[in-house]
PDB file of N, CA and C in Angstrom:
ATOM      1  N   ASP A   1      13.281 -15.225  27.075  1.00  0.00           N
ATOM      2  CA  ASP A   1      13.021 -15.134  28.514  1.00  0.00           C
ATOM      3  C   ASP A   1      12.915 -16.556  29.049  1.00  0.00           C
ATOM      4  N   THR A   2      13.418 -16.793  30.240  1.00  0.00           N
ATOM      5  CA  THR A   2      13.425 -18.154  30.784  1.00  0.00           C
ATOM      6  C   THR A   2      12.395 -18.334  31.889  1.00  0.00           C
ATOM      7  N   ASP A   3      11.227 -17.731  31.728  1.00  0.00           N
ATOM      8  CA  ASP A   3      10.176 -17.944  32.719  1.00  0.00           C
ATOM      9  C   ASP A   3       9.338 -19.175  32.379  1.00  0.00           C
ATOM     10  N   GLY A   4       9.674 -19.864  31.287  1.00  0.00           N
ATOM     11  CA  GLY A   4       8.969 -21.075  30.900  1.00  0.00           C
ATOM     12  C   GLY A   4       7.748 -20.836  30.038  1.00  0.00           C
ATOM     13  N   SER A   5       7.465 -19.565  29.710  1.00  0.00           N
ATOM     14  CA  SER A   5       6.269 -19.291  28.911  1.00  0.00           C
ATOM     15  C   SER A   5       6.580 -19.011  27.445  1.00  0.00           C
ATOM     16  N   ASP A   6       7.833 -18.743  27.103  1.00  0.00           N
ATOM     17  CA  ASP A   6       8.210 -18.479  25.716  1.00  0.00           C
ATOM     18  C   ASP A   6       8.515 -19.783  24.993  1.00  0.00           C
ATOM     19  N   LEU A   7       8.039 -19.873  23.764  1.00  0.00           N
ATOM     20  CA  LEU A   7       8.262 -21.049  22.935  1.00  0.00           C
ATOM     21  C   LEU A   7       9.014 -20.652  21.680  1.00  0.00           C
ATOM     22  N   ALA A   8       9.835 -21.562  21.171  1.00  0.00           N
ATOM     23  CA  ALA A   8      10.497 -21.377  19.879  1.00  0.00           C
ATOM     24  C   ALA A   8       9.911 -22.400  18.917  1.00  0.00           C
ATOM     25  N   PHE A   9       9.419 -21.933  17.769  1.00  0.00           N
ATOM     26  CA  PHE A   9       8.846 -22.786  16.732  1.00  0.00           C
ATOM     27  C   PHE A   9       9.884 -22.938  15.632  1.00  0.00           C
ATOM     28  N   ILE A  10      10.336 -24.161  15.414  1.00  0.00           N
ATOM     29  CA  ILE A  10      11.411 -24.435  14.462  1.00  0.00           C
ATOM     30  C   ILE A  10      10.863 -25.291  13.329  1.00  0.00           C
ATOM     31  N   THR A  11      10.934 -24.772  12.108  1.00  0.00           N
ATOM     32  CA  THR A  11      10.500 -25.527  10.934  1.00  0.00           C
ATOM     33  C   THR A  11      11.678 -26.313  10.392  1.00  0.00           C
ATOM     34  N   VAL A  12      11.478 -27.599  10.197  1.00  0.00           N
ATOM     35  CA  VAL A  12      12.488 -28.483   9.633  1.00  0.00           C
ATOM     36  C   VAL A  12      12.067 -28.774   8.193  1.00  0.00           C
ATOM     37  N   SER A  13      12.950 -28.456   7.260  1.00  0.00           N
ATOM     38  CA  SER A  13      12.662 -28.664   5.839  1.00  0.00           C
ATOM     39  C   SER A  13      13.592 -29.736   5.287  1.00  0.00           C
ATOM     40  N   LEU A  14      13.036 -30.685   4.566  1.00  0.00           N
ATOM     41  CA  LEU A  14      13.845 -31.689   3.882  1.00  0.00           C
ATOM     42  C   LEU A  14      14.101 -31.156   2.479  1.00  0.00           C
ATOM     43  N   VAL A  15      15.379 -30.920   2.182  1.00  0.00           N
ATOM     44  CA  VAL A  15      15.738 -30.251   0.930  1.00  0.00           C
ATOM     45  C   VAL A  15      16.640 -31.129   0.078  1.00  0.00           C
ATOM     46  N   ASP A  16      16.656 -30.816  -1.222  1.00  0.00           N
ATOM     47  CA  ASP A  16      17.548 -31.527  -2.137  1.00  0.00           C
ATOM     48  C   ASP A  16      18.920 -30.850  -2.136  1.00  0.00           C
ATOM     49  N   LYS A  17      19.806 -31.317  -2.995  1.00  0.00           N
ATOM     50  CA  LYS A  17      21.176 -30.777  -3.004  1.00  0.00           C
ATOM     51  C   LYS A  17      21.238 -29.312  -3.430  1.00  0.00           C
ATOM     52  N   HIS A  18      20.153 -28.791  -3.973  1.00  0.00           N
ATOM     53  CA  HIS A  18      20.097 -27.388  -4.383  1.00  0.00           C
ATOM     54  C   HIS A  18      19.402 -26.514  -3.334  1.00  0.00           C
ATOM     55  N   GLY A  19      19.023 -27.121  -2.199  1.00  0.00           N
ATOM     56  CA  GLY A  19      18.383 -26.370  -1.126  1.00  0.00           C
ATOM     57  C   GLY A  19      16.881 -26.176  -1.308  1.00  0.00           C
ATOM     58  N   ARG A  20      16.279 -26.910  -2.228  1.00  0.00           N
ATOM     59  CA  ARG A  20      14.834 -26.800  -2.471  1.00  0.00           C
ATOM     60  C   ARG A  20      14.086 -27.854  -1.661  1.00  0.00           C
ATOM     61  N   VAL A  21      12.986 -27.446  -1.038  1.00  0.00           N
ATOM     62  CA  VAL A  21      12.160 -28.385  -0.274  1.00  0.00           C
ATOM     63  C   VAL A  21      11.637 -29.462  -1.223  1.00  0.00           C
ATOM     64  N   VAL A  22      11.708 -30.713  -0.766  1.00  0.00           N
ATOM     65  CA  VAL A  22      11.213 -31.847  -1.548  1.00  0.00           C
ATOM     66  C   VAL A  22       9.799 -32.159  -1.052  1.00  0.00           C
ATOM     67  N   PRO A  23       8.764 -31.752  -1.786  1.00  0.00           N
ATOM     68  CA  PRO A  23       7.395 -31.891  -1.293  1.00  0.00           C
ATOM     69  C   PRO A  23       6.910 -33.334  -1.152  1.00  0.00           C
ATOM     70  N   THR A  24       7.618 -34.279  -1.755  1.00  0.00           N
ATOM     71  CA  THR A  24       7.219 -35.688  -1.629  1.00  0.00           C
ATOM     72  C   THR A  24       7.948 -36.397  -0.486  1.00  0.00           C
ATOM     73  N   ALA A  25       8.864 -35.701   0.185  1.00  0.00           N
ATOM     74  CA  ALA A  25       9.650 -36.313   1.265  1.00  0.00           C
ATOM     75  C   ALA A  25       8.768 -36.595   2.473  1.00  0.00           C
ATOM     76  N   ASN A  26       8.828 -37.834   2.946  1.00  0.00           N
ATOM     77  CA  ASN A  26       8.061 -38.231   4.131  1.00  0.00           C
ATOM     78  C   ASN A  26       8.923 -39.050   5.089  1.00  0.00           C
ATOM     79  N   ASN A  27      10.229 -38.776   5.087  1.00  0.00           N
ATOM     80  CA  ASN A  27      11.168 -39.493   5.949  1.00  0.00           C
ATOM     81  C   ASN A  27      10.748 -39.371   7.411  1.00  0.00           C
ATOM     82  N   LYS A  28      11.004 -40.443   8.177  1.00  0.00           N
ATOM     83  CA  LYS A  28      10.722 -40.420   9.609  1.00  0.00           C
ATOM     84  C   LYS A  28      11.857 -39.692  10.314  1.00  0.00           C
ATOM     85  N   LEU A  29      11.530 -38.558  10.928  1.00  0.00           N
ATOM     86  CA  LEU A  29      12.511 -37.737  11.622  1.00  0.00           C
ATOM     87  C   LEU A  29      12.504 -38.030  13.113  1.00  0.00           C
ATOM     88  N   SER A  30      13.680 -37.950  13.720  1.00  0.00           N
ATOM     89  CA  SER A  30      13.830 -38.067  15.167  1.00  0.00           C
ATOM     90  C   SER A  30      14.400 -36.756  15.677  1.00  0.00           C
ATOM     91  N   PHE A  31      13.894 -36.302  16.829  1.00  0.00           N
ATOM     92  CA  PHE A  31      14.305 -35.023  17.380  1.00  0.00           C
ATOM     93  C   PHE A  31      14.852 -35.216  18.789  1.00  0.00           C
ATOM     94  N   LYS A  32      15.882 -34.429  19.118  1.00  0.00           N
ATOM     95  CA  LYS A  32      16.384 -34.404  20.488  1.00  0.00           C
ATOM     96  C   LYS A  32      16.866 -32.996  20.797  1.00  0.00           C
ATOM     97  N   LEU A  33      16.902 -32.697  22.083  1.00  0.00           N
ATOM     98  CA  LEU A  33      17.346 -31.389  22.545  1.00  0.00           C
ATOM     99  C   LEU A  33      18.434 -31.582  23.583  1.00  0.00           C
ATOM    100  N   GLU A  34      19.533 -30.850  23.424  1.00  0.00           N
ATOM    101  CA  GLU A  34      20.616 -30.854  24.405  1.00  0.00           C
ATOM    102  C   GLU A  34      20.630 -29.489  25.069  1.00  0.00           C
ATOM    103  N   GLY A  35      20.694 -29.468  26.381  1.00  0.00           N
ATOM    104  CA  GLY A  35      20.703 -28.219  27.126  1.00  0.00           C
ATOM    105  C   GLY A  35      19.531 -28.140  28.077  1.00  0.00           C
ATOM    106  N   ALA A  36      19.387 -26.994  28.714  1.00  0.00           N
ATOM    107  CA  ALA A  36      18.375 -26.795  29.754  1.00  0.00           C
ATOM    108  C   ALA A  36      17.038 -26.396  29.146  1.00  0.00           C
ATOM    109  N   GLY A  37      16.396 -27.355  28.524  1.00  0.00           N
ATOM    110  CA  GLY A  37      15.098 -27.103  27.915  1.00  0.00           C
ATOM    111  C   GLY A  37      14.410 -28.399  27.571  1.00  0.00           C
ATOM    112  N   GLU A  38      13.314 -28.286  26.843  1.00  0.00           N
ATOM    113  CA  GLU A  38      12.560 -29.480  26.466  1.00  0.00           C
ATOM    114  C   GLU A  38      11.869 -29.275  25.132  1.00  0.00           C
ATOM    115  N   ILE A  39      11.642 -30.373  24.457  1.00  0.00           N
ATOM    116  CA  ILE A  39      10.805 -30.353  23.269  1.00  0.00           C
ATOM    117  C   ILE A  39       9.373 -30.480  23.759  1.00  0.00           C
ATOM    118  N   VAL A  40       8.577 -29.464  23.493  1.00  0.00           N
ATOM    119  CA  VAL A  40       7.193 -29.425  23.956  1.00  0.00           C
ATOM    120  C   VAL A  40       6.296 -30.235  23.026  1.00  0.00           C
ATOM    121  N   ALA A  41       6.533 -30.124  21.715  1.00  0.00           N
ATOM    122  CA  ALA A  41       5.683 -30.808  20.744  1.00  0.00           C
ATOM    123  C   ALA A  41       6.387 -30.879  19.398  1.00  0.00           C
ATOM    124  N   THR A  42       5.897 -31.799  18.570  1.00  0.00           N
ATOM    125  CA  THR A  42       6.295 -31.875  17.166  1.00  0.00           C
ATOM    126  C   THR A  42       5.019 -31.956  16.343  1.00  0.00           C
ATOM    127  N   ASP A  43       5.099 -31.566  15.098  1.00  0.00           N
ATOM    128  CA  ASP A  43       3.941 -31.656  14.202  1.00  0.00           C
ATOM    129  C   ASP A  43       4.458 -31.681  12.774  1.00  0.00           C
ATOM    130  N   ASN A  44       3.574 -32.025  11.849  1.00  0.00           N
ATOM    131  CA  ASN A  44       3.949 -32.011  10.440  1.00  0.00           C
ATOM    132  C   ASN A  44       2.860 -31.426   9.544  1.00  0.00           C
ATOM    133  N   GLY A  45       1.741 -31.003  10.103  1.00  0.00           N
ATOM    134  CA  GLY A  45       0.679 -30.400   9.308  1.00  0.00           C
ATOM    135  C   GLY A  45      -0.264 -31.390   8.659  1.00  0.00           C
ATOM    136  N   ASP A  46      -0.041 -32.675   8.872  1.00  0.00           N
ATOM    137  CA  ASP A  46      -0.914 -33.702   8.294  1.00  0.00           C
ATOM    138  C   ASP A  46      -2.096 -33.916   9.225  1.00  0.00           C
ATOM    139  N   SER A  47      -3.257 -33.424   8.828  1.00  0.00           N
ATOM    140  CA  SER A  47      -4.443 -33.508   9.685  1.00  0.00           C
ATOM    141  C   SER A  47      -4.951 -34.934   9.860  1.00  0.00           C
ATOM    142  N   THR A  48      -4.446 -35.883   9.064  1.00  0.00           N
ATOM    143  CA  THR A  48      -4.880 -37.273   9.196  1.00  0.00           C
ATOM    144  C   THR A  48      -3.938 -38.098  10.072  1.00  0.00           C
ATOM    145  N   SER A  49      -2.858 -37.474  10.566  1.00  0.00           N
ATOM    146  CA  SER A  49      -1.876 -38.182  11.376  1.00  0.00           C
ATOM    147  C   SER A  49      -2.380 -38.393  12.800  1.00  0.00           C
ATOM    148  N   PHE A  50      -2.120 -39.578  13.328  1.00  0.00           N
ATOM    149  CA  PHE A  50      -2.476 -39.889  14.710  1.00  0.00           C
ATOM    150  C   PHE A  50      -1.253 -39.893  15.628  1.00  0.00           C
ATOM    151  N   VAL A  51      -0.103 -39.439  15.126  1.00  0.00           N
ATOM    152  CA  VAL A  51       1.109 -39.366  15.938  1.00  0.00           C
ATOM    153  C   VAL A  51       0.897 -38.294  17.008  1.00  0.00           C
ATOM    154  N   SER A  52       1.214 -38.633  18.241  1.00  0.00           N
ATOM    155  CA  SER A  52       1.053 -37.707  19.362  1.00  0.00           C
ATOM    156  C   SER A  52       1.949 -36.483  19.184  1.00  0.00           C
ATOM    157  N   PHE A  53       1.437 -35.315  19.567  1.00  0.00           N
ATOM    158  CA  PHE A  53       2.233 -34.098  19.527  1.00  0.00           C
ATOM    159  C   PHE A  53       3.459 -34.211  20.438  1.00  0.00           C
ATOM    160  N   LYS A  54       3.418 -35.055  21.443  1.00  0.00           N
ATOM    161  CA  LYS A  54       4.543 -35.256  22.373  1.00  0.00           C
ATOM    162  C   LYS A  54       5.627 -36.170  21.807  1.00  0.00           C
ATOM    163  N   SER A  55       5.351 -36.818  20.678  1.00  0.00           N
ATOM    164  CA  SER A  55       6.297 -37.762  20.095  1.00  0.00           C
ATOM    165  C   SER A  55       7.577 -37.070  19.645  1.00  0.00           C
ATOM    166  N   LEU A  56       8.702 -37.721  19.866  1.00  0.00           N
ATOM    167  CA  LEU A  56       9.992 -37.208  19.409  1.00  0.00           C
ATOM    168  C   LEU A  56      10.364 -37.775  18.045  1.00  0.00           C
ATOM    169  N   GLN A  57       9.458 -38.554  17.466  1.00  0.00           N
ATOM    170  CA  GLN A  57       9.638 -39.083  16.119  1.00  0.00           C
ATOM    171  C   GLN A  57       8.372 -38.803  15.328  1.00  0.00           C
ATOM    172  N   ARG A  58       8.565 -38.372  14.085  1.00  0.00           N
ATOM    173  CA  ARG A  58       7.415 -37.998  13.267  1.00  0.00           C
ATOM    174  C   ARG A  58       7.842 -38.009  11.801  1.00  0.00           C
ATOM    175  N   PRO A  59       6.980 -38.523  10.910  1.00  0.00           N
ATOM    176  CA  PRO A  59       7.317 -38.439   9.486  1.00  0.00           C
ATOM    177  C   PRO A  59       7.102 -37.020   8.970  1.00  0.00           C
ATOM    178  N   ALA A  60       7.949 -36.626   8.033  1.00  0.00           N
ATOM    179  CA  ALA A  60       7.748 -35.327   7.380  1.00  0.00           C
ATOM    180  C   ALA A  60       6.472 -35.411   6.550  1.00  0.00           C
ATOM    181  N   PHE A  61       5.852 -34.291   6.309  1.00  0.00           N
ATOM    182  CA  PHE A  61       4.669 -34.195   5.461  1.00  0.00           C
ATOM    183  C   PHE A  61       4.911 -33.051   4.493  1.00  0.00           C
ATOM    184  N   ASN A  62       4.855 -33.359   3.211  1.00  0.00           N
ATOM    185  CA  ASN A  62       5.193 -32.366   2.175  1.00  0.00           C
ATOM    186  C   ASN A  62       6.590 -31.790   2.384  1.00  0.00           C
ATOM    187  N   GLY A  63       7.485 -32.624   2.933  1.00  0.00           N
ATOM    188  CA  GLY A  63       8.871 -32.216   3.127  1.00  0.00           C
ATOM    189  C   GLY A  63       9.126 -31.359   4.345  1.00  0.00           C
ATOM    190  N   LEU A  64       8.134 -31.251   5.263  1.00  0.00           N
ATOM    191  CA  LEU A  64       8.264 -30.348   6.401  1.00  0.00           C
ATOM    192  C   LEU A  64       7.873 -31.000   7.722  1.00  0.00           C
ATOM    193  N   CYS A  65       8.443 -30.486   8.798  1.00  0.00           N
ATOM    194  CA  CYS A  65       8.070 -30.830  10.170  1.00  0.00           C
ATOM    195  C   CYS A  65       8.242 -29.586  11.025  1.00  0.00           C
ATOM    196  N   LEU A  66       7.623 -29.617  12.184  1.00  0.00           N
ATOM    197  CA  LEU A  66       7.723 -28.513  13.134  1.00  0.00           C
ATOM    198  C   LEU A  66       8.132 -29.068  14.486  1.00  0.00           C
ATOM    199  N   VAL A  67       9.054 -28.372  15.147  1.00  0.00           N
ATOM    200  CA  VAL A  67       9.478 -28.721  16.498  1.00  0.00           C
ATOM    201  C   VAL A  67       9.265 -27.489  17.366  1.00  0.00           C
ATOM    202  N   ILE A  68       8.620 -27.663  18.513  1.00  0.00           N
ATOM    203  CA  ILE A  68       8.375 -26.560  19.437  1.00  0.00           C
ATOM    204  C   ILE A  68       9.170 -26.832  20.702  1.00  0.00           C
ATOM    205  N   VAL A  69      10.026 -25.874  21.083  1.00  0.00           N
ATOM    206  CA  VAL A  69      10.886 -26.045  22.255  1.00  0.00           C
ATOM    207  C   VAL A  69      10.695 -24.904  23.246  1.00  0.00           C
ATOM    208  N   ARG A  70      11.071 -25.205  24.490  1.00  0.00           N
ATOM    209  CA  ARG A  70      10.975 -24.219  25.570  1.00  0.00           C
ATOM    210  C   ARG A  70      12.169 -24.415  26.494  1.00  0.00           C
ATOM    211  N   ALA A  71      12.729 -23.294  26.966  1.00  0.00           N
ATOM    212  CA  ALA A  71      13.801 -23.355  27.964  1.00  0.00           C
ATOM    213  C   ALA A  71      13.178 -23.678  29.316  1.00  0.00           C
ATOM    214  N   ASN A  72      13.929 -24.372  30.147  1.00  0.00           N
ATOM    215  CA  ASN A  72      13.456 -24.646  31.501  1.00  0.00           C
ATOM    216  C   ASN A  72      13.344 -23.333  32.271  1.00  0.00           C
ATOM    217  N   PRO A  73      12.307 -23.166  33.083  1.00  0.00           N
ATOM    218  CA  PRO A  73      12.137 -21.922  33.843  1.00  0.00           C
ATOM    219  C   PRO A  73      13.368 -21.601  34.683  1.00  0.00           C
ATOM    220  N   GLY A  74      13.829 -20.348  34.577  1.00  0.00           N
ATOM    221  CA  GLY A  74      14.960 -19.880  35.363  1.00  0.00           C
ATOM    222  C   GLY A  74      16.323 -20.319  34.877  1.00  0.00           C
ATOM    223  N   MET A  75      16.368 -21.071  33.793  1.00  0.00           N
ATOM    224  CA  MET A  75      17.642 -21.599  33.295  1.00  0.00           C
ATOM    225  C   MET A  75      18.058 -20.865  32.028  1.00  0.00           C
ATOM    226  N   ALA A  76      19.179 -20.180  32.070  1.00  0.00           N
ATOM    227  CA  ALA A  76      19.732 -19.544  30.885  1.00  0.00           C
ATOM    228  C   ALA A  76      20.787 -20.464  30.284  1.00  0.00           C
ATOM    229  N   GLY A  77      21.046 -20.298  28.998  1.00  0.00           N
ATOM    230  CA  GLY A  77      22.086 -21.093  28.364  1.00  0.00           C
ATOM    231  C   GLY A  77      21.714 -21.504  26.958  1.00  0.00           C
ATOM    232  N   ASN A  78      22.571 -22.329  26.385  1.00  0.00           N
ATOM    233  CA  ASN A  78      22.373 -22.780  25.011  1.00  0.00           C
ATOM    234  C   ASN A  78      21.456 -23.987  24.950  1.00  0.00           C
ATOM    235  N   LEU A  79      20.633 -23.989  23.918  1.00  0.00           N
ATOM    236  CA  LEU A  79      19.785 -25.133  23.606  1.00  0.00           C
ATOM    237  C   LEU A  79      20.159 -25.588  22.203  1.00  0.00           C
ATOM    238  N   LYS A  80      20.411 -26.858  22.048  1.00  0.00           N
ATOM    239  CA  LYS A  80      20.789 -27.410  20.751  1.00  0.00           C
ATOM    240  C   LYS A  80      19.704 -28.399  20.334  1.00  0.00           C
ATOM    241  N   VAL A  81      19.033 -28.098  19.232  1.00  0.00           N
ATOM    242  CA  VAL A  81      17.975 -28.960  18.712  1.00  0.00           C
ATOM    243  C   VAL A  81      18.540 -29.717  17.522  1.00  0.00           C
ATOM    244  N   ILE A  82      18.354 -31.034  17.541  1.00  0.00           N
ATOM    245  CA  ILE A  82      18.925 -31.900  16.513  1.00  0.00           C
ATOM    246  C   ILE A  82      17.804 -32.706  15.860  1.00  0.00           C
ATOM    247  N   ALA A  83      17.764 -32.662  14.527  1.00  0.00           N
ATOM    248  CA  ALA A  83      16.819 -33.458  13.749  1.00  0.00           C
ATOM    249  C   ALA A  83      17.630 -34.447  12.924  1.00  0.00           C
ATOM    250  N   SER A  84      17.217 -35.713  12.950  1.00  0.00           N
ATOM    251  CA  SER A  84      17.949 -36.722  12.188  1.00  0.00           C
ATOM    252  C   SER A  84      16.965 -37.691  11.547  1.00  0.00           C
ATOM    253  N   ALA A  85      17.426 -38.295  10.464  1.00  0.00           N
ATOM    254  CA  ALA A  85      16.650 -39.319   9.760  1.00  0.00           C
ATOM    255  C   ALA A  85      17.634 -40.222   9.032  1.00  0.00           C
ATOM    256  N   GLU A  86      17.294 -41.469   8.926  1.00  0.00           N
ATOM    257  CA  GLU A  86      18.155 -42.421   8.251  1.00  0.00           C
ATOM    258  C   GLU A  86      18.407 -41.977   6.818  1.00  0.00           C
ATOM    259  N   GLY A  87      19.688 -41.935   6.435  1.00  0.00           N
ATOM    260  CA  GLY A  87      20.057 -41.589   5.072  1.00  0.00           C
ATOM    261  C   GLY A  87      20.131 -40.100   4.781  1.00  0.00           C
ATOM    262  N   LEU A  88      19.828 -39.250   5.772  1.00  0.00           N
ATOM    263  CA  LEU A  88      19.868 -37.801   5.571  1.00  0.00           C
ATOM    264  C   LEU A  88      20.913 -37.166   6.478  1.00  0.00           C
ATOM    265  N   THR A  89      21.404 -36.009   6.071  1.00  0.00           N
ATOM    266  CA  THR A  89      22.335 -35.251   6.903  1.00  0.00           C
ATOM    267  C   THR A  89      21.587 -34.696   8.111  1.00  0.00           C
ATOM    268  N   GLU A  90      22.191 -34.818   9.268  1.00  0.00           N
ATOM    269  CA  GLU A  90      21.595 -34.307  10.513  1.00  0.00           C
ATOM    270  C   GLU A  90      21.457 -32.794  10.446  1.00  0.00           C
ATOM    271  N   GLY A  91      20.341 -32.284  10.953  1.00  0.00           N
ATOM    272  CA  GLY A  91      20.126 -30.843  11.040  1.00  0.00           C
ATOM    273  C   GLY A  91      20.251 -30.387  12.476  1.00  0.00           C
ATOM    274  N   VAL A  92      20.945 -29.269  12.688  1.00  0.00           N
ATOM    275  CA  VAL A  92      21.186 -28.758  14.041  1.00  0.00           C
ATOM    276  C   VAL A  92      20.926 -27.259  14.056  1.00  0.00           C
ATOM    277  N   ILE A  93      20.260 -26.800  15.112  1.00  0.00           N
ATOM    278  CA  ILE A  93      20.106 -25.369  15.330  1.00  0.00           C
ATOM    279  C   ILE A  93      20.416 -25.089  16.795  1.00  0.00           C
ATOM    280  N   GLN A  94      21.107 -23.975  17.030  1.00  0.00           N
ATOM    281  CA  GLN A  94      21.465 -23.573  18.385  1.00  0.00           C
ATOM    282  C   GLN A  94      20.615 -22.362  18.765  1.00  0.00           C
ATOM    283  N   LEU A  95      20.012 -22.401  19.940  1.00  0.00           N
ATOM    284  CA  LEU A  95      19.248 -21.299  20.476  1.00  0.00           C
ATOM    285  C   LEU A  95      19.889 -20.874  21.794  1.00  0.00           C
ATOM    286  N   GLN A  96      19.650 -19.648  22.195  1.00  0.00           N
ATOM    287  CA  GLN A  96      20.184 -19.196  23.478  1.00  0.00           C
ATOM    288  C   GLN A  96      19.049 -18.635  24.321  1.00  0.00           C
ATOM    289  N   ALA A  97      18.886 -19.211  25.509  1.00  0.00           N
ATOM    290  CA  ALA A  97      17.892 -18.721  26.466  1.00  0.00           C
ATOM    291  C   ALA A  97      18.574 -17.734  27.398  1.00  0.00           C
ATOM    292  N   LYS A  98      17.960 -16.565  27.556  1.00  0.00           N
ATOM    293  CA  LYS A  98      18.525 -15.527  28.425  1.00  0.00           C
ATOM    294  C   LYS A  98      17.577 -15.227  29.553  1.00  0.00           C
ATOM    295  N   LYS A  99      18.152 -14.889  30.694  1.00  0.00           N
ATOM    296  CA  LYS A  99      17.323 -14.488  31.843  1.00  0.00           C
ATOM    297  C   LYS A  99      16.825 -13.091  31.635  1.00  0.00           C
TER     298      LYS A  99
END
């Protein structure tokens, strides 16, 4: 729904060549969103981290990160969320916001 109240929670996993999460991975991830929406927050589950939830860059913790996105109110269409880190393959997920 595009009333601006629905959120999508996207877990980003840093995996090895066999698709297994690497629990020691702490690469600094960068996030961006293409389309009619916004990244509301990022997190990694590290309770000792002082990185702002609004930050578009965050280190992975135990091989994981979280990105929370929302479609702009009244705007339907595709949202493309991109996670990248130096030396790693870019991760992309496509979402569709419907009226």
